[in-house]
């Protein structure tokens, strides 16, 4: 950008889907405003990502609270927790051995 001449040069980059997803997961947060994307879809992505994180946190905390309060459901909770841990272990094992 040349402020004196009031001109700017714009370069168009074509990115693959993998590169776009990599950028979305590594882009700087709100504390690095000059490096953030300024596209309207980027602001939608940020709001959606924040909503998903806050939703997961709410579901985790409320689930733990209900698990603590409703003693009759603890056995089912332990079974589901063990099943989830086993499925994650199998997925990680498949990724590591691939």
PDB file of N, CA and C in Angstrom:
ATOM      1  N   UNK A   1       0.844  -1.155   0.000  1.00  0.00           N
ATOM      2  CA  UNK A   1       0.000   0.000   0.000  1.00  0.00           C
ATOM      3  C   UNK A   1       0.899   1.230   0.000  1.00  0.00           C
ATOM      4  N   UNK A   2       0.583   2.148  -0.878  1.00  0.00           N
ATOM      5  CA  UNK A   2       1.312   3.418  -0.961  1.00  0.00           C
ATOM      6  C   UNK A   2       0.329   4.519  -0.585  1.00  0.00           C
ATOM      7  N   UNK A   3       0.468   5.048   0.640  1.00  0.00           N
ATOM      8  CA  UNK A   3      -0.476   6.053   1.116  1.00  0.00           C
ATOM      9  C   UNK A   3      -0.332   7.379   0.378  1.00  0.00           C
ATOM     10  N   UNK A   4       0.881   7.729   0.006  1.00  0.00           N
ATOM     11  CA  UNK A   4       1.079   8.993  -0.705  1.00  0.00           C
ATOM     12  C   UNK A   4       0.427   8.972  -2.080  1.00  0.00           C
ATOM     13  N   UNK A   5       0.582   7.900  -2.807  1.00  0.00           N
ATOM     14  CA  UNK A   5      -0.019   7.786  -4.137  1.00  0.00           C
ATOM     15  C   UNK A   5      -1.464   7.309  -4.071  1.00  0.00           C
ATOM     16  N   UNK A   6      -1.908   6.919  -2.886  1.00  0.00           N
ATOM     17  CA  UNK A   6      -3.270   6.406  -2.673  1.00  0.00           C
ATOM     18  C   UNK A   6      -3.576   5.212  -3.571  1.00  0.00           C
ATOM     19  N   UNK A   7      -2.605   4.292  -3.592  1.00  0.00           N
ATOM     20  CA  UNK A   7      -2.787   3.064  -4.371  1.00  0.00           C
ATOM     21  C   UNK A   7      -2.502   1.862  -3.483  1.00  0.00           C
ATOM     22  N   UNK A   8      -3.057   0.744  -3.898  1.00  0.00           N
ATOM     23  CA  UNK A   8      -2.828  -0.490  -3.173  1.00  0.00           C
ATOM     24  C   UNK A   8      -2.727  -1.626  -4.184  1.00  0.00           C
ATOM     25  N   UNK A   9      -1.919  -2.589  -3.862  1.00  0.00           N
ATOM     26  CA  UNK A   9      -1.788  -3.771  -4.696  1.00  0.00           C
ATOM     27  C   UNK A   9      -2.464  -4.935  -3.987  1.00  0.00           C
ATOM     28  N   UNK A  10      -3.318  -5.618  -4.722  1.00  0.00           N
ATOM     29  CA  UNK A  10      -4.047  -6.739  -4.151  1.00  0.00           C
ATOM     30  C   UNK A  10      -3.608  -8.006  -4.865  1.00  0.00           C
ATOM     31  N   UNK A  11      -3.256  -9.003  -4.074  1.00  0.00           N
ATOM     32  CA  UNK A  11      -2.880 -10.299  -4.625  1.00  0.00           C
ATOM     33  C   UNK A  11      -3.982 -11.295  -4.307  1.00  0.00           C
ATOM     34  N   UNK A  12      -4.334 -12.086  -5.292  1.00  0.00           N
ATOM     35  CA  UNK A  12      -5.369 -13.103  -5.121  1.00  0.00           C
ATOM     36  C   UNK A  12      -4.685 -14.449  -4.950  1.00  0.00           C
ATOM     37  N   UNK A  13      -5.004 -15.121  -3.841  1.00  0.00           N
ATOM     38  CA  UNK A  13      -4.445 -16.439  -3.583  1.00  0.00           C
ATOM     39  C   UNK A  13      -5.553 -17.474  -3.664  1.00  0.00           C
ATOM     40  N   UNK A  14      -5.292 -18.546  -4.364  1.00  0.00           N
ATOM     41  CA  UNK A  14      -6.230 -19.652  -4.401  1.00  0.00           C
ATOM     42  C   UNK A  14      -5.729 -20.684  -3.404  1.00  0.00           C
ATOM     43  N   UNK A  15      -6.586 -21.006  -2.439  1.00  0.00           N
ATOM     44  CA  UNK A  15      -6.201 -21.956  -1.397  1.00  0.00           C
ATOM     45  C   UNK A  15      -7.034 -23.228  -1.536  1.00  0.00           C
ATOM     46  N   UNK A  16      -6.416 -24.316  -1.176  1.00  0.00           N
ATOM     47  CA  UNK A  16      -7.135 -25.579  -1.167  1.00  0.00           C
ATOM     48  C   UNK A  16      -8.002 -25.651   0.086  1.00  0.00           C
ATOM     49  N   UNK A  17      -8.879 -26.634   0.125  1.00  0.00           N
ATOM     50  CA  UNK A  17      -9.736 -26.797   1.294  1.00  0.00           C
ATOM     51  C   UNK A  17      -8.898 -27.059   2.550  1.00  0.00           C
ATOM     52  N   UNK A  18      -7.850 -27.864   2.409  1.00  0.00           N
ATOM     53  CA  UNK A  18      -6.979 -28.148   3.553  1.00  0.00           C
ATOM     54  C   UNK A  18      -6.299 -26.897   4.079  1.00  0.00           C
ATOM     55  N   UNK A  19      -5.819 -26.055   3.177  1.00  0.00           N
ATOM     56  CA  UNK A  19      -5.180 -24.804   3.602  1.00  0.00           C
ATOM     57  C   UNK A  19      -6.181 -23.875   4.281  1.00  0.00           C
ATOM     58  N   UNK A  20      -7.413 -23.825   3.765  1.00  0.00           N
ATOM     59  CA  UNK A  20      -8.440 -22.981   4.373  1.00  0.00           C
ATOM     60  C   UNK A  20      -8.778 -23.462   5.775  1.00  0.00           C
ATOM     61  N   UNK A  21      -8.940 -24.777   5.954  1.00  0.00           N
ATOM     62  CA  UNK A  21      -9.235 -25.312   7.287  1.00  0.00           C
ATOM     63  C   UNK A  21      -8.067 -25.093   8.238  1.00  0.00           C
ATOM     64  N   UNK A  22      -6.858 -25.215   7.735  1.00  0.00           N
ATOM     65  CA  UNK A  22      -5.676 -24.961   8.553  1.00  0.00           C
ATOM     66  C   UNK A  22      -5.666 -23.508   9.032  1.00  0.00           C
ATOM     67  N   UNK A  23      -5.995 -22.566   8.156  1.00  0.00           N
ATOM     68  CA  UNK A  23      -6.042 -21.154   8.532  1.00  0.00           C
ATOM     69  C   UNK A  23      -7.117 -20.912   9.587  1.00  0.00           C
ATOM     70  N   UNK A  24      -8.291 -21.527   9.393  1.00  0.00           N
ATOM     71  CA  UNK A  24      -9.382 -21.312  10.337  1.00  0.00           C
ATOM     72  C   UNK A  24      -9.029 -21.824  11.727  1.00  0.00           C
ATOM     73  N   UNK A  25      -8.241 -22.873  11.816  1.00  0.00           N
ATOM     74  CA  UNK A  25      -7.897 -23.430  13.118  1.00  0.00           C
ATOM     75  C   UNK A  25      -6.664 -22.801  13.739  1.00  0.00           C
ATOM     76  N   UNK A  26      -5.895 -22.068  12.952  1.00  0.00           N
ATOM     77  CA  UNK A  26      -4.688 -21.452  13.498  1.00  0.00           C
ATOM     78  C   UNK A  26      -4.731 -19.933  13.482  1.00  0.00           C
ATOM     79  N   UNK A  27      -5.821 -19.341  12.984  1.00  0.00           N
ATOM     80  CA  UNK A  27      -5.852 -17.884  12.865  1.00  0.00           C
ATOM     81  C   UNK A  27      -5.785 -17.242  14.242  1.00  0.00           C
ATOM     82  N   UNK A  28      -5.185 -16.064  14.331  1.00  0.00           N
ATOM     83  CA  UNK A  28      -5.057 -15.383  15.618  1.00  0.00           C
ATOM     84  C   UNK A  28      -6.426 -14.996  16.168  1.00  0.00           C
ATOM     85  N   UNK A  29      -6.494 -14.914  17.458  1.00  0.00           N
ATOM     86  CA  UNK A  29      -7.738 -14.558  18.129  1.00  0.00           C
ATOM     87  C   UNK A  29      -7.962 -13.057  18.169  1.00  0.00           C
ATOM     88  N   UNK A  30      -8.877 -12.590  19.004  1.00  0.00           N
ATOM     89  CA  UNK A  30      -9.243 -11.183  19.031  1.00  0.00           C
ATOM     90  C   UNK A  30      -8.145 -10.263  19.536  1.00  0.00           C
ATOM     91  N   UNK A  31      -7.085 -10.816  20.110  1.00  0.00           N
ATOM     92  CA  UNK A  31      -6.019  -9.964  20.626  1.00  0.00           C
ATOM     93  C   UNK A  31      -5.011  -9.582  19.550  1.00  0.00           C
ATOM     94  N   UNK A  32      -5.157 -10.123  18.375  1.00  0.00           N
ATOM     95  CA  UNK A  32      -4.268  -9.821  17.255  1.00  0.00           C
ATOM     96  C   UNK A  32      -5.093  -9.304  16.092  1.00  0.00           C
ATOM     97  N   UNK A  33      -5.723  -8.151  16.261  1.00  0.00           N
ATOM     98  CA  UNK A  33      -6.705  -7.650  15.311  1.00  0.00           C
ATOM     99  C   UNK A  33      -6.111  -7.462  13.925  1.00  0.00           C
ATOM    100  N   UNK A  34      -4.884  -7.041  13.833  1.00  0.00           N
ATOM    101  CA  UNK A  34      -4.328  -6.746  12.507  1.00  0.00           C
ATOM    102  C   UNK A  34      -4.090  -8.006  11.681  1.00  0.00           C
ATOM    103  N   UNK A  35      -4.098  -9.185  12.294  1.00  0.00           N
ATOM    104  CA  UNK A  35      -3.893 -10.418  11.555  1.00  0.00           C
ATOM    105  C   UNK A  35      -5.190 -11.189  11.319  1.00  0.00           C
ATOM    106  N   UNK A  36      -6.296 -10.734  11.869  1.00  0.00           N
ATOM    107  CA  UNK A  36      -7.564 -11.453  11.718  1.00  0.00           C
ATOM    108  C   UNK A  36      -8.080 -11.323  10.301  1.00  0.00           C
ATOM    109  N   UNK A  37      -8.883 -12.306   9.907  1.00  0.00           N
ATOM    110  CA  UNK A  37      -9.555 -12.215   8.622  1.00  0.00           C
ATOM    111  C   UNK A  37     -10.647 -11.158   8.692  1.00  0.00           C
ATOM    112  N   UNK A  38     -10.855 -10.422   7.618  1.00  0.00           N
ATOM    113  CA  UNK A  38     -11.847  -9.357   7.639  1.00  0.00           C
ATOM    114  C   UNK A  38     -13.037  -9.670   6.739  1.00  0.00           C
ATOM    115  N   UNK A  39     -13.259 -10.924   6.443  1.00  0.00           N
ATOM    116  CA  UNK A  39     -14.358 -11.367   5.612  1.00  0.00           C
ATOM    117  C   UNK A  39     -15.552 -11.632   6.503  1.00  0.00           C
ATOM    118  N   UNK A  40     -16.767 -11.384   6.035  1.00  0.00           N
ATOM    119  CA  UNK A  40     -17.951 -11.547   6.869  1.00  0.00           C
ATOM    120  C   UNK A  40     -18.102 -12.998   7.329  1.00  0.00           C
ATOM    121  N   UNK A  41     -17.723 -13.947   6.487  1.00  0.00           N
ATOM    122  CA  UNK A  41     -17.832 -15.343   6.878  1.00  0.00           C
ATOM    123  C   UNK A  41     -16.851 -15.701   7.999  1.00  0.00           C
ATOM    124  N   UNK A  42     -15.759 -14.974   8.090  1.00  0.00           N
ATOM    125  CA  UNK A  42     -14.816 -15.209   9.187  1.00  0.00           C
ATOM    126  C   UNK A  42     -15.445 -14.802  10.518  1.00  0.00           C
ATOM    127  N   UNK A  43     -16.207 -13.721  10.533  1.00  0.00           N
ATOM    128  CA  UNK A  43     -16.873 -13.326  11.779  1.00  0.00           C
ATOM    129  C   UNK A  43     -17.948 -14.347  12.129  1.00  0.00           C
ATOM    130  N   UNK A  44     -18.642 -14.895  11.123  1.00  0.00           N
ATOM    131  CA  UNK A  44     -19.625 -15.945  11.388  1.00  0.00           C
ATOM    132  C   UNK A  44     -18.940 -17.182  11.945  1.00  0.00           C
ATOM    133  N   UNK A  45     -17.776 -17.515  11.375  1.00  0.00           N
ATOM    134  CA  UNK A  45     -17.021 -18.678  11.849  1.00  0.00           C
ATOM    135  C   UNK A  45     -16.623 -18.479  13.315  1.00  0.00           C
ATOM    136  N   UNK A  46     -16.145 -17.294  13.646  1.00  0.00           N
ATOM    137  CA  UNK A  46     -15.708 -17.023  15.017  1.00  0.00           C
ATOM    138  C   UNK A  46     -16.872 -17.147  15.996  1.00  0.00           C
ATOM    139  N   UNK A  47     -18.028 -16.595  15.639  1.00  0.00           N
ATOM    140  CA  UNK A  47     -19.197 -16.673  16.513  1.00  0.00           C
ATOM    141  C   UNK A  47     -19.647 -18.126  16.664  1.00  0.00           C
ATOM    142  N   UNK A  48     -19.672 -18.863  15.558  1.00  0.00           N
ATOM    143  CA  UNK A  48     -20.084 -20.260  15.607  1.00  0.00           C
ATOM    144  C   UNK A  48     -19.113 -21.091  16.440  1.00  0.00           C
ATOM    145  N   UNK A  49     -17.820 -20.879  16.246  1.00  0.00           N
ATOM    146  CA  UNK A  49     -16.821 -21.621  17.016  1.00  0.00           C
ATOM    147  C   UNK A  49     -16.954 -21.317  18.507  1.00  0.00           C
ATOM    148  N   UNK A  50     -17.142 -20.054  18.855  1.00  0.00           N
ATOM    149  CA  UNK A  50     -17.323 -19.693  20.265  1.00  0.00           C
ATOM    150  C   UNK A  50     -18.592 -20.316  20.838  1.00  0.00           C
ATOM    151  N   UNK A  51     -19.678 -20.291  20.056  1.00  0.00           N
ATOM    152  CA  UNK A  51     -20.937 -20.872  20.534  1.00  0.00           C
ATOM    153  C   UNK A  51     -20.788 -22.372  20.773  1.00  0.00           C
ATOM    154  N   UNK A  52     -20.074 -23.053  19.897  1.00  0.00           N
ATOM    155  CA  UNK A  52     -19.868 -24.495  20.077  1.00  0.00           C
ATOM    156  C   UNK A  52     -19.056 -24.765  21.339  1.00  0.00           C
ATOM    157  N   UNK A  53     -18.003 -23.997  21.557  1.00  0.00           N
ATOM    158  CA  UNK A  53     -17.172 -24.189  22.752  1.00  0.00           C
ATOM    159  C   UNK A  53     -17.977 -23.930  24.018  1.00  0.00           C
ATOM    160  N   UNK A  54     -18.723 -22.817  24.045  1.00  0.00           N
ATOM    161  CA  UNK A  54     -19.521 -22.518  25.234  1.00  0.00           C
ATOM    162  C   UNK A  54     -20.617 -23.554  25.434  1.00  0.00           C
ATOM    163  N   UNK A  55     -21.195 -24.054  24.347  1.00  0.00           N
ATOM    164  CA  UNK A  55     -22.204 -25.101  24.456  1.00  0.00           C
ATOM    165  C   UNK A  55     -21.632 -26.377  25.040  1.00  0.00           C
ATOM    166  N   UNK A  56     -20.457 -26.768  24.580  1.00  0.00           N
ATOM    167  CA  UNK A  56     -19.813 -27.970  25.111  1.00  0.00           C
ATOM    168  C   UNK A  56     -19.472 -27.794  26.593  1.00  0.00           C
ATOM    169  N   UNK A  57     -18.980 -26.620  26.955  1.00  0.00           N
ATOM    170  CA  UNK A  57     -18.684 -26.365  28.373  1.00  0.00           C
ATOM    171  C   UNK A  57     -19.947 -26.436  29.220  1.00  0.00           C
ATOM    172  N   UNK A  58     -21.040 -25.842  28.730  1.00  0.00           N
ATOM    173  CA  UNK A  58     -22.306 -25.895  29.465  1.00  0.00           C
ATOM    174  C   UNK A  58     -22.793 -27.331  29.603  1.00  0.00           C
ATOM    175  N   UNK A  59     -22.756 -28.088  28.517  1.00  0.00           N
ATOM    176  CA  UNK A  59     -23.201 -29.476  28.575  1.00  0.00           C
ATOM    177  C   UNK A  59     -22.341 -30.301  29.531  1.00  0.00           C
ATOM    178  N   UNK A  60     -21.045 -30.033  29.562  1.00  0.00           N
ATOM    179  CA  UNK A  60     -20.156 -30.762  30.469  1.00  0.00           C
ATOM    180  C   UNK A  60     -20.476 -30.455  31.925  1.00  0.00           C
ATOM    181  N   UNK A  61     -20.568 -29.171  32.241  1.00  0.00           N
ATOM    182  CA  UNK A  61     -20.824 -28.777  33.631  1.00  0.00           C
ATOM    183  C   UNK A  61     -22.209 -29.235  34.077  1.00  0.00           C
ATOM    184  N   UNK A  62     -23.220 -29.036  33.244  1.00  0.00           N
ATOM    185  CA  UNK A  62     -24.573 -29.449  33.645  1.00  0.00           C
ATOM    186  C   UNK A  62     -24.671 -30.973  33.733  1.00  0.00           C
ATOM    187  N   UNK A  63     -23.974 -31.685  32.854  1.00  0.00           N
ATOM    188  CA  UNK A  63     -23.978 -33.146  32.927  1.00  0.00           C
ATOM    189  C   UNK A  63     -23.323 -33.654  34.195  1.00  0.00           C
ATOM    190  N   UNK A  64     -22.187 -33.053  34.568  1.00  0.00           N
ATOM    191  CA  UNK A  64     -21.532 -33.451  35.813  1.00  0.00           C
ATOM    192  C   UNK A  64     -22.405 -33.137  37.026  1.00  0.00           C
ATOM    193  N   UNK A  65     -23.078 -32.002  37.003  1.00  0.00           N
ATOM    194  CA  UNK A  65     -23.975 -31.637  38.114  1.00  0.00           C
ATOM    195  C   UNK A  65     -25.119 -32.634  38.232  1.00  0.00           C
ATOM    196  N   UNK A  66     -25.745 -32.957  37.103  1.00  0.00           N
ATOM    197  CA  UNK A  66     -26.853 -33.908  37.140  1.00  0.00           C
ATOM    198  C   UNK A  66     -26.374 -35.301  37.545  1.00  0.00           C
ATOM    199  N   UNK A  67     -25.199 -35.677  37.106  1.00  0.00           N
ATOM    200  CA  UNK A  67     -24.634 -36.977  37.463  1.00  0.00           C
ATOM    201  C   UNK A  67     -24.413 -37.047  38.977  1.00  0.00           C
ATOM    202  N   UNK A  68     -23.984 -35.933  39.550  1.00  0.00           N
ATOM    203  CA  UNK A  68     -23.747 -35.870  40.992  1.00  0.00           C
ATOM    204  C   UNK A  68     -25.074 -35.917  41.758  1.00  0.00           C
ATOM    205  N   UNK A  69     -26.100 -35.240  41.242  1.00  0.00           N
ATOM    206  CA  UNK A  69     -27.387 -35.154  41.937  1.00  0.00           C
ATOM    207  C   UNK A  69     -28.248 -36.408  41.771  1.00  0.00           C
ATOM    208  N   UNK A  70     -28.247 -37.012  40.585  1.00  0.00           N
ATOM    209  CA  UNK A  70     -29.117 -38.158  40.326  1.00  0.00           C
ATOM    210  C   UNK A  70     -28.282 -39.429  40.458  1.00  0.00           C
ATOM    211  N   UNK A  71     -28.296 -40.014  41.635  1.00  0.00           N
ATOM    212  CA  UNK A  71     -27.434 -41.149  41.929  1.00  0.00           C
ATOM    213  C   UNK A  71     -27.828 -42.405  41.156  1.00  0.00           C
ATOM    214  N   UNK A  72     -29.098 -42.550  40.791  1.00  0.00           N
ATOM    215  CA  UNK A  72     -29.558 -43.731  40.087  1.00  0.00           C
ATOM    216  C   UNK A  72     -28.991 -43.862  38.678  1.00  0.00           C
ATOM    217  N   UNK A  73     -28.541 -42.778  38.096  1.00  0.00           N
ATOM    218  CA  UNK A  73     -28.030 -42.797  36.726  1.00  0.00           C
ATOM    219  C   UNK A  73     -26.507 -42.942  36.656  1.00  0.00           C
ATOM    220  N   UNK A  74     -25.851 -43.069  37.781  1.00  0.00           N
ATOM    221  CA  UNK A  74     -24.387 -43.126  37.773  1.00  0.00           C
ATOM    222  C   UNK A  74     -23.852 -44.372  37.095  1.00  0.00           C
ATOM    223  N   UNK A  75     -24.511 -45.509  37.265  1.00  0.00           N
ATOM    224  CA  UNK A  75     -24.033 -46.744  36.630  1.00  0.00           C
ATOM    225  C   UNK A  75     -24.078 -46.618  35.112  1.00  0.00           C
ATOM    226  N   UNK A  76     -25.165 -46.050  34.605  1.00  0.00           N
ATOM    227  CA  UNK A  76     -25.269 -45.827  33.156  1.00  0.00           C
ATOM    228  C   UNK A  76     -24.209 -44.821  32.713  1.00  0.00           C
ATOM    229  N   UNK A  77     -23.998 -43.807  33.515  1.00  0.00           N
ATOM    230  CA  UNK A  77     -22.983 -42.808  33.188  1.00  0.00           C
ATOM    231  C   UNK A  77     -21.592 -43.406  33.101  1.00  0.00           C
ATOM    232  N   UNK A  78     -21.258 -44.275  34.056  1.00  0.00           N
ATOM    233  CA  UNK A  78     -19.939 -44.927  34.014  1.00  0.00           C
ATOM    234  C   UNK A  78     -19.805 -45.805  32.784  1.00  0.00           C
ATOM    235  N   UNK A  79     -20.881 -46.519  32.425  1.00  0.00           N
ATOM    236  CA  UNK A  79     -20.841 -47.382  31.232  1.00  0.00           C
ATOM    237  C   UNK A  79     -20.643 -46.545  29.965  1.00  0.00           C
ATOM    238  N   UNK A  80     -21.363 -45.441  29.858  1.00  0.00           N
ATOM    239  CA  UNK A  80     -21.212 -44.565  28.688  1.00  0.00           C
ATOM    240  C   UNK A  80     -19.828 -43.919  28.653  1.00  0.00           C
ATOM    241  N   UNK A  81     -19.328 -43.538  29.812  1.00  0.00           N
ATOM    242  CA  UNK A  81     -17.991 -42.953  29.881  1.00  0.00           C
ATOM    243  C   UNK A  81     -16.933 -43.965  29.449  1.00  0.00           C
ATOM    244  N   UNK A  82     -17.071 -45.202  29.896  1.00  0.00           N
ATOM    245  CA  UNK A  82     -16.126 -46.249  29.497  1.00  0.00           C
ATOM    246  C   UNK A  82     -16.226 -46.527  28.003  1.00  0.00           C
ATOM    247  N   UNK A  83     -17.436 -46.558  27.480  1.00  0.00           N
ATOM    248  CA  UNK A  83     -17.607 -46.762  26.039  1.00  0.00           C
ATOM    249  C   UNK A  83     -17.009 -45.636  25.223  1.00  0.00           C
ATOM    250  N   UNK A  84     -17.193 -44.409  25.671  1.00  0.00           N
ATOM    251  CA  UNK A  84     -16.598 -43.265  24.979  1.00  0.00           C
ATOM    252  C   UNK A  84     -15.087 -43.292  25.028  1.00  0.00           C
ATOM    253  N   UNK A  85     -14.534 -43.639  26.190  1.00  0.00           N
ATOM    254  CA  UNK A  85     -13.074 -43.723  26.322  1.00  0.00           C
ATOM    255  C   UNK A  85     -12.515 -44.827  25.428  1.00  0.00           C
ATOM    256  N   UNK A  86     -13.229 -45.948  25.351  1.00  0.00           N
ATOM    257  CA  UNK A  86     -12.773 -47.039  24.491  1.00  0.00           C
ATOM    258  C   UNK A  86     -12.819 -46.650  23.022  1.00  0.00           C
ATOM    259  N   UNK A  87     -13.868 -45.951  22.606  1.00  0.00           N
ATOM    260  CA  UNK A  87     -13.951 -45.547  21.193  1.00  0.00           C
ATOM    261  C   UNK A  87     -12.875 -44.525  20.846  1.00  0.00           C
ATOM    262  N   UNK A  88     -12.584 -43.604  21.760  1.00  0.00           N
ATOM    263  CA  UNK A  88     -11.504 -42.636  21.509  1.00  0.00           C
ATOM    264  C   UNK A  88     -10.166 -43.359  21.432  1.00  0.00           C
ATOM    265  N   UNK A  89      -9.944 -44.319  22.325  1.00  0.00           N
ATOM    266  CA  UNK A  89      -8.690 -45.081  22.301  1.00  0.00           C
ATOM    267  C   UNK A  89      -8.545 -45.838  20.986  1.00  0.00           C
ATOM    268  N   UNK A  90      -9.637 -46.413  20.480  1.00  0.00           N
ATOM    269  CA  UNK A  90      -9.564 -47.132  19.205  1.00  0.00           C
ATOM    270  C   UNK A  90      -9.291 -46.177  18.042  1.00  0.00           C
ATOM    271  N   UNK A  91      -9.919 -45.020  18.065  1.00  0.00           N
ATOM    272  CA  UNK A  91      -9.674 -44.039  16.993  1.00  0.00           C
ATOM    273  C   UNK A  91      -8.226 -43.551  17.006  1.00  0.00           C
ATOM    274  N   UNK A  92      -7.715 -43.239  18.189  1.00  0.00           N
ATOM    275  CA  UNK A  92      -6.327 -42.804  18.297  1.00  0.00           C
ATOM    276  C   UNK A  92      -5.390 -43.928  17.869  1.00  0.00           C
ATOM    277  N   UNK A  93      -5.681 -45.145  18.279  1.00  0.00           N
ATOM    278  CA  UNK A  93      -4.864 -46.282  17.857  1.00  0.00           C
ATOM    279  C   UNK A  93      -4.875 -46.459  16.355  1.00  0.00           C
ATOM    280  N   UNK A  94      -6.035 -46.275  15.726  1.00  0.00           N
ATOM    281  CA  UNK A  94      -6.105 -46.400  14.268  1.00  0.00           C
ATOM    282  C   UNK A  94      -5.327 -45.301  13.561  1.00  0.00           C
ATOM    283  N   UNK A  95      -5.375 -44.099  14.118  1.00  0.00           N
ATOM    284  CA  UNK A  95      -4.646 -42.976  13.507  1.00  0.00           C
ATOM    285  C   UNK A  95      -3.137 -43.172  13.666  1.00  0.00           C
ATOM    286  N   UNK A  96      -2.717 -43.598  14.852  1.00  0.00           N
ATOM    287  CA  UNK A  96      -1.289 -43.753  15.125  1.00  0.00           C
ATOM    288  C   UNK A  96      -0.689 -44.878  14.279  1.00  0.00           C
ATOM    289  N   UNK A  97      -1.443 -45.963  14.104  1.00  0.00           N
ATOM    290  CA  UNK A  97      -0.896 -47.089  13.338  1.00  0.00           C
ATOM    291  C   UNK A  97      -1.020 -46.910  11.835  1.00  0.00           C
ATOM    292  N   UNK A  98      -1.795 -45.934  11.384  1.00  0.00           N
ATOM    293  CA  UNK A  98      -1.991 -45.723   9.943  1.00  0.00           C
ATOM    294  C   UNK A  98      -0.777 -45.109   9.278  1.00  0.00           C
TER     295      UNK A  98
END
